[in-house]
């Protein structure tokens, strides 16, 4: 399965192509799904590294980008570090 950030999960569930849920319902789901967002960031970092090489800073930027992983800066740093970029 694909790794999601908190914001990424809400966007996916709210998307007409993802779930079509309201933002309120998608937010409730993200708040109550029990996800470990740091672990999700590590998984996302590993997925990105399988596709192409990244420097540490580029991987952090990709993970935290509003067009990429949408993780917080702290989660992106944790994910990149733990993935061993």
C-alpha atoms as a PDB file:
ATOM      1  CA  UNK A   1       0.000   0.000   0.000  1.00  0.00           C
ATOM      2  CA  UNK A   2       1.013   3.595  -0.533  1.00  0.00           C
ATOM      3  CA  UNK A   3       2.314   5.695   2.316  1.00  0.00           C
ATOM      4  CA  UNK A   4       0.385   8.860   3.142  1.00  0.00           C
ATOM      5  CA  UNK A   5       1.015  11.946   5.202  1.00  0.00           C
ATOM      6  CA  UNK A   6      -1.819  13.353   7.291  1.00  0.00           C
ATOM      7  CA  UNK A   7      -2.469  16.071   4.688  1.00  0.00           C
ATOM      8  CA  UNK A   8      -1.986  13.641   1.804  1.00  0.00           C
ATOM      9  CA  UNK A   9      -4.524  11.226   3.254  1.00  0.00           C
ATOM     10  CA  UNK A  10      -7.105  13.965   3.705  1.00  0.00           C
ATOM     11  CA  UNK A  11      -6.526  15.144   0.135  1.00  0.00           C
ATOM     12  CA  UNK A  12      -6.822  11.582  -1.178  1.00  0.00           C
ATOM     13  CA  UNK A  13     -10.042  10.865   0.692  1.00  0.00           C
ATOM     14  CA  UNK A  14     -11.506  14.223  -0.326  1.00  0.00           C
ATOM     15  CA  UNK A  15     -10.567  13.818  -4.000  1.00  0.00           C
ATOM     16  CA  UNK A  16     -13.247  12.932  -6.504  1.00  0.00           C
ATOM     17  CA  UNK A  17     -10.789  10.294  -7.758  1.00  0.00           C
ATOM     18  CA  UNK A  18      -9.878   8.993  -4.300  1.00  0.00           C
ATOM     19  CA  UNK A  19     -12.864   8.719  -2.052  1.00  0.00           C
ATOM     20  CA  UNK A  20     -15.096  11.670  -2.658  1.00  0.00           C
ATOM     21  CA  UNK A  21     -15.576  12.240   1.069  1.00  0.00           C
ATOM     22  CA  UNK A  22     -16.158  15.687   2.509  1.00  0.00           C
ATOM     23  CA  UNK A  23     -13.123  17.446   3.980  1.00  0.00           C
ATOM     24  CA  UNK A  24     -14.714  17.097   7.427  1.00  0.00           C
ATOM     25  CA  UNK A  25     -15.155  13.343   7.038  1.00  0.00           C
ATOM     26  CA  UNK A  26     -11.682  12.910   5.533  1.00  0.00           C
ATOM     27  CA  UNK A  27     -10.166  14.895   8.401  1.00  0.00           C
ATOM     28  CA  UNK A  28     -12.043  12.804  10.948  1.00  0.00           C
ATOM     29  CA  UNK A  29     -10.715   9.641   9.287  1.00  0.00           C
ATOM     30  CA  UNK A  30      -7.116  10.935   9.314  1.00  0.00           C
ATOM     31  CA  UNK A  31      -7.476  12.004  12.943  1.00  0.00           C
ATOM     32  CA  UNK A  32      -8.805   8.601  13.986  1.00  0.00           C
ATOM     33  CA  UNK A  33      -7.003   6.070  11.768  1.00  0.00           C
ATOM     34  CA  UNK A  34      -4.171   5.475  14.246  1.00  0.00           C
ATOM     35  CA  UNK A  35      -1.440   6.120  11.699  1.00  0.00           C
ATOM     36  CA  UNK A  36       2.170   6.612  12.737  1.00  0.00           C
ATOM     37  CA  UNK A  37       2.996   9.572  10.473  1.00  0.00           C
ATOM     38  CA  UNK A  38       6.745   9.164  11.030  1.00  0.00           C
ATOM     39  CA  UNK A  39       6.554   5.538   9.873  1.00  0.00           C
ATOM     40  CA  UNK A  40       4.509   6.679   6.881  1.00  0.00           C
ATOM     41  CA  UNK A  41       7.249   9.205   6.054  1.00  0.00           C
ATOM     42  CA  UNK A  42       9.901   6.484   6.181  1.00  0.00           C
ATOM     43  CA  UNK A  43       7.855   4.276   3.855  1.00  0.00           C
ATOM     44  CA  UNK A  44       7.262   7.174   1.465  1.00  0.00           C
ATOM     45  CA  UNK A  45      11.001   7.992   1.473  1.00  0.00           C
ATOM     46  CA  UNK A  46      11.830   4.376   0.657  1.00  0.00           C
ATOM     47  CA  UNK A  47       9.285   4.425  -2.188  1.00  0.00           C
ATOM     48  CA  UNK A  48      10.828   7.593  -3.650  1.00  0.00           C
ATOM     49  CA  UNK A  49      14.340   6.122  -3.380  1.00  0.00           C
ATOM     50  CA  UNK A  50      13.231   3.035  -5.314  1.00  0.00           C
ATOM     51  CA  UNK A  51      12.226   5.288  -8.214  1.00  0.00           C
ATOM     52  CA  UNK A  52      15.355   7.466  -8.349  1.00  0.00           C
ATOM     53  CA  UNK A  53      18.298   8.630  -6.258  1.00  0.00           C
ATOM     54  CA  UNK A  54      17.850  11.719  -4.086  1.00  0.00           C
ATOM     55  CA  UNK A  55      20.238  13.716  -1.974  1.00  0.00           C
ATOM     56  CA  UNK A  56      19.144  14.019   1.622  1.00  0.00           C
ATOM     57  CA  UNK A  57      17.923  17.591   1.178  1.00  0.00           C
ATOM     58  CA  UNK A  58      16.135  16.796  -2.094  1.00  0.00           C
ATOM     59  CA  UNK A  59      14.366  13.867  -0.469  1.00  0.00           C
ATOM     60  CA  UNK A  60      13.295  16.021   2.473  1.00  0.00           C
ATOM     61  CA  UNK A  61      12.001  18.611   0.004  1.00  0.00           C
ATOM     62  CA  UNK A  62      10.107  15.964  -1.957  1.00  0.00           C
ATOM     63  CA  UNK A  63       8.528  14.508   1.163  1.00  0.00           C
ATOM     64  CA  UNK A  64       7.445  17.915   2.465  1.00  0.00           C
ATOM     65  CA  UNK A  65       6.423  19.411  -0.861  1.00  0.00           C
ATOM     66  CA  UNK A  66       2.754  20.310  -1.374  1.00  0.00           C
ATOM     67  CA  UNK A  67       3.164  18.534  -4.740  1.00  0.00           C
ATOM     68  CA  UNK A  68       4.931  15.531  -3.226  1.00  0.00           C
ATOM     69  CA  UNK A  69       4.418  13.806   0.095  1.00  0.00           C
ATOM     70  CA  UNK A  70       2.884  16.715   2.032  1.00  0.00           C
ATOM     71  CA  UNK A  71       4.607  15.623   5.248  1.00  0.00           C
ATOM     72  CA  UNK A  72       5.566  18.154   7.893  1.00  0.00           C
ATOM     73  CA  UNK A  73       9.187  19.312   7.817  1.00  0.00           C
ATOM     74  CA  UNK A  74       9.972  17.225  10.911  1.00  0.00           C
ATOM     75  CA  UNK A  75       8.335  14.107   9.479  1.00  0.00           C
ATOM     76  CA  UNK A  76      10.136  14.593   6.152  1.00  0.00           C
ATOM     77  CA  UNK A  77      13.499  14.921   7.917  1.00  0.00           C
ATOM     78  CA  UNK A  78      12.776  11.811   9.988  1.00  0.00           C
ATOM     79  CA  UNK A  79      11.665   9.825   6.939  1.00  0.00           C
ATOM     80  CA  UNK A  80      14.703  10.753   4.864  1.00  0.00           C
ATOM     81  CA  UNK A  81      17.093  10.016   7.712  1.00  0.00           C
ATOM     82  CA  UNK A  82      15.544   6.657   8.584  1.00  0.00           C
ATOM     83  CA  UNK A  83      15.344   5.591   4.941  1.00  0.00           C
ATOM     84  CA  UNK A  84      19.122   5.931   4.785  1.00  0.00           C
ATOM     85  CA  UNK A  85      19.234   8.147   1.749  1.00  0.00           C
END
